[in-house]
């Protein structure tokens, strides 16, 4: 009888799954150390990007890659780059790595490039945040840090329009099953669940 593979945060090819943590620039070997380094990185990204936020800020692909690079560039050489491995979580398979360029290009053309420079109503903003947030989490473009990147982007979109932080991280922790359900629903092009979540935080 074959031994069961050790549980991993994500299911990836065996070569990528060896060890408790991903290879990193700081040579950290403990999960708690990695979590702390990632948190520090995203706090840094928050500070930098909110200081830079203006009416001219454009939330395009370059901006999303920059969020990831600012947050995790000190830790991972893959920061700000599309993942090159297939990953799954909780039995849910994210889009294959070989299709990511095509998937992200479609995401950019059909959603990001159509965002208005300014919002005249909260309803439209909520709808756009929900759609972008759900799509990013469904696509999972990066090897690590997808959730935090998507949640930071949601806060930046709200902040640019004059609204406070959405605190999606707190919602995710308290109602994780609802959060995951909304992400999976996005795969069908239905963003109603995520929109309901975002609206509850405004």
N, C-alpha and C. Protein backbone atom coordinates (compact mmCIF):
# COMPACT_ATOMS: atom_id res chain seq x y z
N UNK A 1 0.85 -1.21 0.00
CA UNK A 1 0.00 0.00 0.00
C UNK A 1 0.88 1.25 0.00
N UNK A 2 0.56 2.18 -0.87
CA UNK A 2 1.33 3.42 -0.95
C UNK A 2 1.01 4.33 0.22
N UNK A 3 2.02 5.01 0.70
CA UNK A 3 1.82 5.97 1.78
C UNK A 3 1.16 7.22 1.23
N UNK A 4 0.28 7.80 2.01
CA UNK A 4 -0.38 9.03 1.60
C UNK A 4 0.61 10.18 1.65
N UNK A 5 0.51 11.07 0.66
CA UNK A 5 1.40 12.23 0.63
C UNK A 5 1.07 13.16 1.79
N UNK A 6 2.07 13.83 2.29
CA UNK A 6 1.85 14.79 3.37
C UNK A 6 0.96 15.92 2.90
N UNK A 7 0.11 16.40 3.79
CA UNK A 7 -0.80 17.49 3.46
C UNK A 7 -0.03 18.75 3.13
N UNK A 8 -0.40 19.42 2.06
CA UNK A 8 0.24 20.67 1.65
C UNK A 8 -0.80 21.75 1.51
N UNK A 9 -0.37 22.99 1.63
CA UNK A 9 -1.30 24.10 1.48
C UNK A 9 -1.93 24.06 0.10
N UNK A 10 -1.12 23.76 -0.91
CA UNK A 10 -1.62 23.62 -2.27
C UNK A 10 -1.12 22.31 -2.83
N UNK A 11 -1.88 21.71 -3.73
CA UNK A 11 -1.45 20.50 -4.39
C UNK A 11 -0.70 20.91 -5.65
N UNK A 12 0.56 20.53 -5.74
CA UNK A 12 1.39 20.89 -6.88
C UNK A 12 2.21 19.66 -7.27
N UNK A 13 2.90 19.71 -8.42
CA UNK A 13 3.76 18.60 -8.78
C UNK A 13 4.73 18.29 -7.64
N UNK A 14 5.10 17.01 -7.51
CA UNK A 14 5.89 16.56 -6.37
C UNK A 14 7.15 17.39 -6.15
N UNK A 15 7.85 17.73 -7.22
CA UNK A 15 9.10 18.49 -7.08
C UNK A 15 8.87 19.84 -6.43
N UNK A 16 7.69 20.41 -6.66
CA UNK A 16 7.37 21.71 -6.10
C UNK A 16 6.84 21.63 -4.67
N UNK A 17 6.44 20.44 -4.26
CA UNK A 17 5.77 20.30 -2.97
C UNK A 17 6.70 19.85 -1.85
N UNK A 18 7.95 19.64 -2.15
CA UNK A 18 8.87 19.15 -1.14
C UNK A 18 9.13 20.23 -0.09
N UNK A 19 9.18 19.83 1.18
CA UNK A 19 9.46 20.78 2.25
C UNK A 19 8.21 21.42 2.79
N UNK A 20 8.32 21.99 3.97
CA UNK A 20 7.16 22.60 4.64
C UNK A 20 6.82 23.97 4.08
N UNK A 21 7.82 24.65 3.52
CA UNK A 21 7.59 26.00 2.99
C UNK A 21 8.23 26.12 1.60
N UNK A 22 7.82 27.15 0.87
CA UNK A 22 8.40 27.38 -0.45
C UNK A 22 9.83 27.89 -0.32
N UNK A 23 10.69 27.57 -1.29
CA UNK A 23 12.03 28.15 -1.30
C UNK A 23 11.92 29.67 -1.29
N UNK A 24 12.77 30.32 -0.50
CA UNK A 24 12.65 31.77 -0.39
C UNK A 24 14.00 32.44 -0.23
N UNK A 25 14.05 33.73 -0.53
CA UNK A 25 15.29 34.50 -0.50
C UNK A 25 15.88 34.63 0.90
N UNK A 26 15.03 34.59 1.91
CA UNK A 26 15.48 34.76 3.29
C UNK A 26 15.88 33.44 3.93
N UNK A 27 15.74 32.37 3.17
CA UNK A 27 16.10 31.03 3.64
C UNK A 27 15.36 30.65 4.92
N UNK A 28 14.12 31.07 5.01
CA UNK A 28 13.29 30.72 6.16
C UNK A 28 12.80 29.29 6.00
N UNK A 29 12.70 28.58 7.10
CA UNK A 29 12.32 27.17 7.03
C UNK A 29 11.07 26.83 7.84
N UNK A 30 10.57 27.79 8.60
CA UNK A 30 9.39 27.54 9.43
C UNK A 30 8.18 28.30 8.89
N UNK A 31 7.03 27.65 8.92
CA UNK A 31 5.80 28.24 8.39
C UNK A 31 5.47 29.56 9.07
N UNK A 32 5.67 29.63 10.38
CA UNK A 32 5.36 30.86 11.12
C UNK A 32 6.26 32.01 10.68
N UNK A 33 7.51 31.69 10.38
CA UNK A 33 8.44 32.72 9.91
C UNK A 33 8.02 33.23 8.53
N UNK A 34 7.60 32.31 7.69
CA UNK A 34 7.14 32.68 6.35
C UNK A 34 5.89 33.55 6.45
N UNK A 35 4.95 33.14 7.27
CA UNK A 35 3.71 33.91 7.44
C UNK A 35 4.01 35.32 7.91
N UNK A 36 4.93 35.44 8.85
CA UNK A 36 5.30 36.76 9.37
C UNK A 36 5.95 37.61 8.29
N UNK A 37 6.86 37.01 7.51
CA UNK A 37 7.54 37.74 6.44
C UNK A 37 6.56 38.19 5.37
N UNK A 38 5.59 37.33 5.05
CA UNK A 38 4.57 37.70 4.06
C UNK A 38 3.70 38.84 4.58
N UNK A 39 3.30 38.75 5.84
CA UNK A 39 2.48 39.81 6.43
C UNK A 39 3.22 41.14 6.44
N UNK A 40 4.49 41.11 6.81
CA UNK A 40 5.30 42.33 6.80
C UNK A 40 5.37 42.92 5.40
N UNK A 41 5.51 42.05 4.41
CA UNK A 41 5.58 42.50 3.03
C UNK A 41 4.30 43.16 2.56
N UNK A 42 3.17 42.60 2.93
CA UNK A 42 1.90 43.19 2.51
C UNK A 42 1.60 44.48 3.27
N UNK A 43 2.05 44.58 4.50
CA UNK A 43 1.90 45.84 5.23
C UNK A 43 2.73 46.94 4.55
N UNK A 44 3.91 46.57 4.09
CA UNK A 44 4.76 47.51 3.34
C UNK A 44 4.06 47.94 2.06
N UNK A 45 3.49 46.98 1.33
CA UNK A 45 2.78 47.30 0.09
C UNK A 45 1.59 48.20 0.35
N UNK A 46 0.84 47.94 1.41
CA UNK A 46 -0.29 48.80 1.80
C UNK A 46 0.18 50.24 1.95
N UNK A 47 1.24 50.43 2.73
CA UNK A 47 1.73 51.78 3.02
C UNK A 47 2.18 52.50 1.75
N UNK A 48 2.95 51.82 0.92
CA UNK A 48 3.46 52.43 -0.30
C UNK A 48 2.32 52.78 -1.26
N UNK A 49 1.43 51.85 -1.50
CA UNK A 49 0.39 52.04 -2.50
C UNK A 49 -0.69 53.02 -2.06
N UNK A 50 -1.00 53.06 -0.77
CA UNK A 50 -1.99 54.03 -0.31
C UNK A 50 -1.40 55.44 -0.31
N UNK A 51 -0.10 55.55 -0.07
CA UNK A 51 0.55 56.86 -0.16
C UNK A 51 0.54 57.37 -1.60
N UNK A 52 0.65 56.47 -2.55
CA UNK A 52 0.69 56.83 -3.97
C UNK A 52 -0.69 57.00 -4.59
N UNK A 53 -1.71 56.50 -3.92
CA UNK A 53 -3.06 56.49 -4.49
C UNK A 53 -3.55 57.88 -4.88
N UNK A 54 -4.07 58.01 -6.10
CA UNK A 54 -4.58 59.29 -6.59
C UNK A 54 -5.71 59.03 -7.58
N UNK A 55 -6.33 60.10 -8.06
CA UNK A 55 -7.42 59.96 -9.03
C UNK A 55 -6.90 59.39 -10.35
N UNK A 56 -5.59 59.45 -10.56
CA UNK A 56 -5.00 58.96 -11.80
C UNK A 56 -4.58 57.49 -11.71
N UNK A 57 -4.67 56.90 -10.55
CA UNK A 57 -4.28 55.50 -10.38
C UNK A 57 -5.14 54.59 -11.26
N UNK A 58 -4.49 53.75 -12.05
CA UNK A 58 -5.20 52.82 -12.94
C UNK A 58 -4.99 51.39 -12.45
N UNK A 59 -6.07 50.69 -12.23
CA UNK A 59 -5.99 49.32 -11.73
C UNK A 59 -5.93 48.34 -12.90
N UNK A 60 -4.75 48.24 -13.49
CA UNK A 60 -4.55 47.36 -14.64
C UNK A 60 -3.66 46.17 -14.25
N UNK A 61 -3.29 45.35 -15.22
CA UNK A 61 -2.46 44.18 -14.93
C UNK A 61 -1.13 44.58 -14.33
N UNK A 62 -0.52 45.63 -14.87
CA UNK A 62 0.76 46.09 -14.35
C UNK A 62 0.63 46.44 -12.87
N UNK A 63 -0.46 47.05 -12.49
CA UNK A 63 -0.68 47.44 -11.10
C UNK A 63 -0.81 46.21 -10.20
N UNK A 64 -1.52 45.21 -10.67
CA UNK A 64 -1.69 43.98 -9.89
C UNK A 64 -0.35 43.27 -9.69
N UNK A 65 0.45 43.21 -10.76
CA UNK A 65 1.77 42.60 -10.64
C UNK A 65 2.66 43.40 -9.68
N UNK A 66 2.49 44.71 -9.69
CA UNK A 66 3.29 45.57 -8.81
C UNK A 66 2.92 45.34 -7.34
N UNK A 67 1.63 45.17 -7.07
CA UNK A 67 1.20 44.86 -5.70
C UNK A 67 1.95 43.63 -5.20
N UNK A 68 1.93 42.59 -6.02
CA UNK A 68 2.55 41.32 -5.64
C UNK A 68 4.06 41.46 -5.47
N UNK A 69 4.70 42.21 -6.37
CA UNK A 69 6.14 42.42 -6.30
C UNK A 69 6.53 43.22 -5.06
N UNK A 70 5.79 44.27 -4.77
CA UNK A 70 6.07 45.09 -3.59
C UNK A 70 5.92 44.28 -2.31
N UNK A 71 4.91 43.44 -2.27
CA UNK A 71 4.61 42.68 -1.06
C UNK A 71 5.55 41.50 -0.83
N UNK A 72 5.91 40.81 -1.90
CA UNK A 72 6.64 39.55 -1.73
C UNK A 72 7.99 39.50 -2.43
N UNK A 73 8.41 40.61 -3.02
CA UNK A 73 9.68 40.63 -3.72
C UNK A 73 10.88 40.36 -2.83
N UNK A 74 10.75 40.69 -1.55
CA UNK A 74 11.85 40.45 -0.60
C UNK A 74 11.95 38.98 -0.21
N UNK A 75 10.91 38.23 -0.56
CA UNK A 75 10.81 36.84 -0.09
C UNK A 75 10.91 35.81 -1.21
N UNK A 76 10.21 36.08 -2.32
CA UNK A 76 10.17 35.09 -3.41
C UNK A 76 10.68 35.67 -4.73
N UNK A 77 11.47 34.89 -5.44
CA UNK A 77 11.96 35.33 -6.75
C UNK A 77 10.83 35.34 -7.77
N UNK A 78 9.75 34.65 -7.47
CA UNK A 78 8.60 34.58 -8.39
C UNK A 78 7.62 35.73 -8.18
N UNK A 79 7.90 36.63 -7.24
CA UNK A 79 6.99 37.74 -6.95
C UNK A 79 6.77 38.61 -8.17
N UNK A 80 5.52 38.95 -8.44
CA UNK A 80 5.19 39.80 -9.57
C UNK A 80 5.19 39.06 -10.90
N UNK A 81 5.28 37.73 -10.84
CA UNK A 81 5.30 36.91 -12.05
C UNK A 81 4.20 35.86 -11.98
N UNK A 82 3.68 35.49 -13.14
CA UNK A 82 2.66 34.45 -13.19
C UNK A 82 3.25 33.11 -12.74
N UNK A 83 2.46 32.32 -12.04
CA UNK A 83 2.94 31.01 -11.60
C UNK A 83 3.19 30.10 -12.81
N UNK A 84 4.08 29.16 -12.62
CA UNK A 84 4.44 28.22 -13.68
C UNK A 84 4.04 26.79 -13.33
N UNK A 85 3.35 26.63 -12.20
CA UNK A 85 2.90 25.30 -11.78
C UNK A 85 1.39 25.29 -11.64
N UNK A 86 0.80 24.12 -11.78
CA UNK A 86 -0.64 23.96 -11.54
C UNK A 86 -0.87 23.78 -10.04
N UNK A 87 -1.90 24.42 -9.51
CA UNK A 87 -2.19 24.29 -8.09
C UNK A 87 -3.68 24.07 -7.86
N UNK A 88 -3.99 23.43 -6.75
CA UNK A 88 -5.38 23.22 -6.36
C UNK A 88 -5.47 23.40 -4.85
N UNK A 89 -6.66 23.67 -4.38
CA UNK A 89 -6.86 23.85 -2.95
C UNK A 89 -8.24 23.34 -2.57
N UNK A 90 -8.29 22.47 -1.57
CA UNK A 90 -9.57 21.91 -1.14
C UNK A 90 -10.29 21.15 -2.24
N UNK A 91 -9.51 20.54 -3.14
CA UNK A 91 -10.11 19.79 -4.24
C UNK A 91 -10.50 20.64 -5.43
N UNK A 92 -10.29 21.95 -5.33
CA UNK A 92 -10.64 22.86 -6.43
C UNK A 92 -9.39 23.17 -7.25
N UNK A 93 -9.43 22.86 -8.53
CA UNK A 93 -8.29 23.09 -9.41
C UNK A 93 -8.39 24.47 -10.05
N UNK A 94 -7.35 25.27 -9.86
CA UNK A 94 -7.31 26.60 -10.47
C UNK A 94 -6.90 26.47 -11.94
N UNK A 95 -7.13 27.50 -12.76
CA UNK A 95 -6.77 27.43 -14.17
C UNK A 95 -5.33 26.97 -14.38
N UNK A 96 -5.09 26.07 -15.33
CA UNK A 96 -3.74 25.55 -15.58
C UNK A 96 -2.74 26.67 -15.89
N UNK A 97 -1.52 26.49 -15.44
CA UNK A 97 -0.48 27.50 -15.61
C UNK A 97 -0.24 27.83 -17.09
N UNK A 98 -0.34 26.82 -17.95
CA UNK A 98 -0.04 27.06 -19.37
C UNK A 98 -1.04 27.99 -20.04
N UNK A 99 -2.19 28.20 -19.41
CA UNK A 99 -3.20 29.09 -19.98
C UNK A 99 -3.27 30.45 -19.28
N UNK A 100 -2.38 30.69 -18.33
CA UNK A 100 -2.48 31.91 -17.52
C UNK A 100 -2.31 33.19 -18.32
N UNK A 101 -1.37 33.22 -19.26
CA UNK A 101 -1.19 34.44 -20.07
C UNK A 101 -2.47 34.77 -20.82
N UNK A 102 -3.07 33.76 -21.41
CA UNK A 102 -4.32 33.95 -22.15
C UNK A 102 -5.45 34.35 -21.19
N UNK A 103 -5.51 33.69 -20.05
CA UNK A 103 -6.56 33.98 -19.07
C UNK A 103 -6.45 35.39 -18.52
N UNK A 104 -5.24 35.81 -18.18
CA UNK A 104 -5.03 37.15 -17.64
C UNK A 104 -5.25 38.23 -18.69
N UNK A 105 -4.89 37.92 -19.93
CA UNK A 105 -5.13 38.87 -21.02
C UNK A 105 -6.62 39.09 -21.21
N UNK A 106 -7.39 38.03 -21.13
CA UNK A 106 -8.85 38.12 -21.25
C UNK A 106 -9.43 38.90 -20.06
N UNK A 107 -8.90 38.65 -18.88
CA UNK A 107 -9.32 39.36 -17.66
C UNK A 107 -9.06 40.86 -17.82
N UNK A 108 -7.92 41.19 -18.40
CA UNK A 108 -7.55 42.59 -18.61
C UNK A 108 -8.48 43.26 -19.62
N UNK A 109 -8.73 42.58 -20.74
CA UNK A 109 -9.54 43.17 -21.82
C UNK A 109 -11.01 43.30 -21.45
N UNK A 110 -11.55 42.29 -20.81
CA UNK A 110 -13.00 42.27 -20.55
C UNK A 110 -13.41 42.97 -19.25
N UNK A 111 -12.45 43.13 -18.32
CA UNK A 111 -12.81 43.73 -17.04
C UNK A 111 -11.97 44.96 -16.69
N UNK A 112 -10.66 44.79 -16.57
CA UNK A 112 -9.81 45.88 -16.09
C UNK A 112 -9.82 47.10 -16.99
N UNK A 113 -9.73 46.90 -18.30
CA UNK A 113 -9.68 48.03 -19.23
C UNK A 113 -11.01 48.78 -19.32
N UNK A 114 -12.06 48.20 -18.79
CA UNK A 114 -13.38 48.84 -18.84
C UNK A 114 -13.73 49.58 -17.54
N UNK A 115 -12.80 49.58 -16.58
CA UNK A 115 -13.06 50.28 -15.33
C UNK A 115 -13.10 51.78 -15.55
N UNK A 116 -14.04 52.49 -14.95
CA UNK A 116 -14.10 53.95 -15.09
C UNK A 116 -13.02 54.62 -14.26
N UNK A 117 -12.61 55.80 -14.67
CA UNK A 117 -11.60 56.55 -13.90
C UNK A 117 -12.17 56.98 -12.56
N UNK A 118 -13.47 57.29 -12.55
CA UNK A 118 -14.16 57.68 -11.32
C UNK A 118 -15.54 57.03 -11.28
N UNK A 119 -16.03 56.83 -10.07
CA UNK A 119 -17.34 56.19 -9.91
C UNK A 119 -18.39 57.19 -9.47
N UNK A 120 -19.54 57.13 -10.13
CA UNK A 120 -20.64 58.03 -9.79
C UNK A 120 -21.58 57.42 -8.76
N UNK A 121 -21.49 56.11 -8.58
CA UNK A 121 -22.35 55.46 -7.59
C UNK A 121 -21.60 54.33 -6.89
N UNK A 122 -21.97 54.10 -5.63
CA UNK A 122 -21.36 53.01 -4.86
C UNK A 122 -21.74 51.66 -5.45
N UNK A 123 -22.93 51.56 -6.02
CA UNK A 123 -23.39 50.29 -6.58
C UNK A 123 -22.46 49.79 -7.69
N UNK A 124 -22.06 50.70 -8.57
CA UNK A 124 -21.17 50.32 -9.66
C UNK A 124 -19.80 49.92 -9.12
N UNK A 125 -19.31 50.66 -8.14
CA UNK A 125 -18.02 50.34 -7.53
C UNK A 125 -18.07 48.97 -6.86
N UNK A 126 -19.11 48.71 -6.11
CA UNK A 126 -19.28 47.43 -5.43
C UNK A 126 -19.29 46.28 -6.44
N UNK A 127 -20.00 46.48 -7.53
CA UNK A 127 -20.08 45.46 -8.58
C UNK A 127 -18.72 45.17 -9.18
N UNK A 128 -17.94 46.23 -9.46
CA UNK A 128 -16.62 46.06 -10.05
C UNK A 128 -15.64 45.41 -9.08
N UNK A 129 -15.66 45.83 -7.82
CA UNK A 129 -14.78 45.23 -6.82
C UNK A 129 -15.09 43.74 -6.68
N UNK A 130 -16.37 43.42 -6.62
CA UNK A 130 -16.78 42.02 -6.46
C UNK A 130 -16.31 41.17 -7.64
N UNK A 131 -16.49 41.70 -8.83
CA UNK A 131 -16.13 40.95 -10.04
C UNK A 131 -14.62 40.73 -10.11
N UNK A 132 -13.86 41.79 -9.88
CA UNK A 132 -12.40 41.69 -9.95
C UNK A 132 -11.87 40.78 -8.85
N UNK A 133 -12.40 40.95 -7.65
CA UNK A 133 -11.94 40.15 -6.52
C UNK A 133 -12.19 38.66 -6.75
N UNK A 134 -13.39 38.33 -7.17
CA UNK A 134 -13.74 36.93 -7.42
C UNK A 134 -12.93 36.34 -8.56
N UNK A 135 -12.75 37.10 -9.63
CA UNK A 135 -11.99 36.60 -10.78
C UNK A 135 -10.53 36.36 -10.43
N UNK A 136 -9.92 37.30 -9.70
CA UNK A 136 -8.52 37.14 -9.31
C UNK A 136 -8.32 35.89 -8.46
N UNK A 137 -9.23 35.68 -7.53
CA UNK A 137 -9.10 34.52 -6.66
C UNK A 137 -9.39 33.22 -7.40
N UNK A 138 -10.28 33.28 -8.38
CA UNK A 138 -10.55 32.10 -9.19
C UNK A 138 -9.37 31.77 -10.10
N UNK A 139 -8.78 32.80 -10.71
CA UNK A 139 -7.64 32.59 -11.61
C UNK A 139 -6.39 32.15 -10.84
N UNK A 140 -6.18 32.75 -9.66
CA UNK A 140 -4.99 32.45 -8.84
C UNK A 140 -3.72 32.59 -9.68
N UNK A 141 -3.41 33.80 -10.15
CA UNK A 141 -2.30 33.97 -11.08
C UNK A 141 -0.91 33.74 -10.49
N UNK A 142 -0.78 33.85 -9.17
CA UNK A 142 0.54 33.75 -8.55
C UNK A 142 0.72 32.44 -7.78
N UNK A 143 1.97 32.10 -7.53
CA UNK A 143 2.28 30.87 -6.79
C UNK A 143 1.86 30.99 -5.32
N UNK A 144 1.95 32.19 -4.78
CA UNK A 144 1.60 32.44 -3.39
C UNK A 144 1.11 33.88 -3.24
N UNK A 145 0.29 34.15 -2.25
CA UNK A 145 -0.14 35.52 -1.97
C UNK A 145 -1.30 36.03 -2.81
N UNK A 146 -2.06 35.14 -3.43
CA UNK A 146 -3.18 35.57 -4.28
C UNK A 146 -4.29 36.24 -3.48
N UNK A 147 -4.66 35.64 -2.37
CA UNK A 147 -5.75 36.19 -1.56
C UNK A 147 -5.43 37.57 -1.02
N UNK A 148 -4.24 37.71 -0.47
CA UNK A 148 -3.84 39.00 0.10
C UNK A 148 -3.71 40.06 -0.99
N UNK A 149 -3.21 39.66 -2.16
CA UNK A 149 -3.11 40.61 -3.27
C UNK A 149 -4.49 41.09 -3.69
N UNK A 150 -5.43 40.16 -3.82
CA UNK A 150 -6.80 40.51 -4.22
C UNK A 150 -7.49 41.37 -3.18
N UNK A 151 -7.25 41.09 -1.90
CA UNK A 151 -7.89 41.87 -0.84
C UNK A 151 -7.28 43.27 -0.74
N UNK A 152 -5.98 43.38 -0.98
CA UNK A 152 -5.35 44.70 -1.00
C UNK A 152 -5.89 45.52 -2.17
N UNK A 153 -6.02 44.90 -3.33
CA UNK A 153 -6.56 45.60 -4.49
C UNK A 153 -7.98 46.09 -4.22
N UNK A 154 -8.79 45.28 -3.57
CA UNK A 154 -10.16 45.69 -3.23
C UNK A 154 -10.15 46.92 -2.33
N UNK A 155 -9.24 46.94 -1.35
CA UNK A 155 -9.12 48.09 -0.46
C UNK A 155 -8.67 49.34 -1.22
N UNK A 156 -7.75 49.15 -2.16
CA UNK A 156 -7.25 50.28 -2.94
C UNK A 156 -8.34 50.86 -3.84
N UNK A 157 -9.15 49.99 -4.42
CA UNK A 157 -10.26 50.46 -5.25
C UNK A 157 -11.27 51.25 -4.42
N UNK A 158 -11.56 50.75 -3.22
CA UNK A 158 -12.48 51.46 -2.33
C UNK A 158 -11.86 52.77 -1.87
N UNK A 159 -10.57 52.74 -1.54
CA UNK A 159 -9.88 53.93 -1.07
C UNK A 159 -9.81 55.03 -2.11
N UNK A 160 -9.56 54.67 -3.36
CA UNK A 160 -9.51 55.66 -4.43
C UNK A 160 -10.84 56.38 -4.57
N UNK A 161 -11.93 55.65 -4.33
CA UNK A 161 -13.28 56.23 -4.47
C UNK A 161 -13.74 56.95 -3.19
N UNK A 162 -12.86 56.99 -2.19
CA UNK A 162 -13.19 57.71 -0.96
C UNK A 162 -13.83 56.90 0.13
N UNK A 163 -13.79 55.58 0.01
CA UNK A 163 -14.38 54.70 1.03
C UNK A 163 -13.29 54.09 1.91
N UNK A 164 -13.62 53.68 3.14
CA UNK A 164 -12.63 53.07 4.03
C UNK A 164 -12.31 51.63 3.62
N UNK A 165 -11.31 51.03 4.29
CA UNK A 165 -10.94 49.65 4.04
C UNK A 165 -12.16 48.74 4.16
N UNK A 166 -12.19 47.67 3.39
CA UNK A 166 -13.33 46.76 3.40
C UNK A 166 -13.22 45.67 4.48
N UNK A 167 -12.01 45.43 4.95
CA UNK A 167 -11.80 44.39 5.97
C UNK A 167 -12.25 43.01 5.49
N UNK A 168 -11.91 42.68 4.26
CA UNK A 168 -12.25 41.37 3.70
C UNK A 168 -11.53 40.24 4.42
N UNK A 169 -10.35 40.53 4.95
CA UNK A 169 -9.60 39.50 5.67
C UNK A 169 -10.38 39.00 6.88
N UNK A 170 -10.99 39.93 7.59
CA UNK A 170 -11.79 39.57 8.77
C UNK A 170 -13.01 38.75 8.36
N UNK A 171 -13.65 39.16 7.26
CA UNK A 171 -14.81 38.41 6.77
C UNK A 171 -14.40 37.00 6.37
N UNK A 172 -13.27 36.89 5.68
CA UNK A 172 -12.79 35.57 5.22
C UNK A 172 -12.59 34.63 6.40
N UNK A 173 -12.03 35.15 7.48
CA UNK A 173 -11.76 34.32 8.65
C UNK A 173 -13.05 33.88 9.34
N UNK A 174 -14.03 34.77 9.38
CA UNK A 174 -15.28 34.47 10.09
C UNK A 174 -16.24 33.62 9.27
N UNK A 175 -16.26 33.85 7.95
CA UNK A 175 -17.22 33.14 7.09
C UNK A 175 -16.51 32.57 5.87
N UNK A 176 -15.54 31.72 6.14
CA UNK A 176 -14.69 31.18 5.08
C UNK A 176 -15.48 30.42 4.02
N UNK A 177 -16.45 29.60 4.45
CA UNK A 177 -17.22 28.80 3.49
C UNK A 177 -18.01 29.68 2.53
N UNK A 178 -18.56 30.79 3.04
CA UNK A 178 -19.30 31.73 2.18
C UNK A 178 -18.35 32.39 1.18
N UNK A 179 -17.17 32.71 1.65
CA UNK A 179 -16.15 33.36 0.82
C UNK A 179 -15.74 32.43 -0.33
N UNK A 180 -15.44 31.18 -0.01
CA UNK A 180 -15.02 30.20 -1.01
C UNK A 180 -16.16 29.92 -2.00
N UNK A 181 -17.37 29.85 -1.50
CA UNK A 181 -18.53 29.61 -2.36
C UNK A 181 -18.69 30.72 -3.39
N UNK A 182 -18.45 31.96 -2.97
CA UNK A 182 -18.55 33.10 -3.87
C UNK A 182 -17.48 33.04 -4.96
N UNK A 183 -16.29 32.58 -4.59
CA UNK A 183 -15.19 32.46 -5.55
C UNK A 183 -15.52 31.39 -6.59
N UNK A 184 -16.03 30.27 -6.13
CA UNK A 184 -16.37 29.18 -7.05
C UNK A 184 -17.52 29.57 -7.97
N UNK A 185 -18.43 30.37 -7.45
CA UNK A 185 -19.55 30.82 -8.27
C UNK A 185 -19.06 31.70 -9.41
N UNK A 186 -17.97 32.42 -9.17
CA UNK A 186 -17.41 33.30 -10.20
C UNK A 186 -16.97 32.53 -11.43
N UNK A 187 -16.65 31.26 -11.25
CA UNK A 187 -16.22 30.43 -12.38
C UNK A 187 -17.32 30.29 -13.42
N UNK A 188 -18.56 30.50 -13.01
CA UNK A 188 -19.70 30.41 -13.92
C UNK A 188 -20.10 31.78 -14.46
N UNK A 189 -19.36 32.83 -14.04
CA UNK A 189 -19.69 34.18 -14.48
C UNK A 189 -20.74 34.84 -13.61
N UNK A 190 -21.06 34.23 -12.49
CA UNK A 190 -22.06 34.77 -11.57
C UNK A 190 -21.34 35.36 -10.35
N UNK A 191 -21.41 36.67 -10.20
CA UNK A 191 -20.70 37.35 -9.11
C UNK A 191 -21.64 37.81 -7.99
N UNK A 192 -22.86 37.31 -7.99
CA UNK A 192 -23.86 37.81 -7.05
C UNK A 192 -23.48 37.55 -5.59
N UNK A 193 -22.91 36.39 -5.30
CA UNK A 193 -22.52 36.09 -3.93
C UNK A 193 -21.40 37.00 -3.45
N UNK A 194 -20.40 37.21 -4.30
CA UNK A 194 -19.30 38.09 -3.92
C UNK A 194 -19.77 39.53 -3.80
N UNK A 195 -20.68 39.93 -4.67
CA UNK A 195 -21.23 41.28 -4.59
C UNK A 195 -21.97 41.48 -3.27
N UNK A 196 -22.67 40.47 -2.83
CA UNK A 196 -23.38 40.54 -1.56
C UNK A 196 -22.40 40.71 -0.41
N UNK A 197 -21.27 40.00 -0.48
CA UNK A 197 -20.24 40.10 0.55
C UNK A 197 -19.65 41.51 0.57
N UNK A 198 -19.26 42.01 -0.60
CA UNK A 198 -18.65 43.34 -0.69
C UNK A 198 -19.63 44.40 -0.20
N UNK A 199 -20.86 44.29 -0.59
CA UNK A 199 -21.88 45.27 -0.19
C UNK A 199 -22.03 45.30 1.34
N UNK A 200 -21.93 44.15 1.97
CA UNK A 200 -22.09 44.08 3.43
C UNK A 200 -20.95 44.78 4.16
N UNK A 201 -19.84 45.02 3.47
CA UNK A 201 -18.67 45.63 4.09
C UNK A 201 -18.59 47.13 3.84
N UNK A 202 -19.45 47.66 2.99
CA UNK A 202 -19.45 49.09 2.70
C UNK A 202 -20.19 49.87 3.79
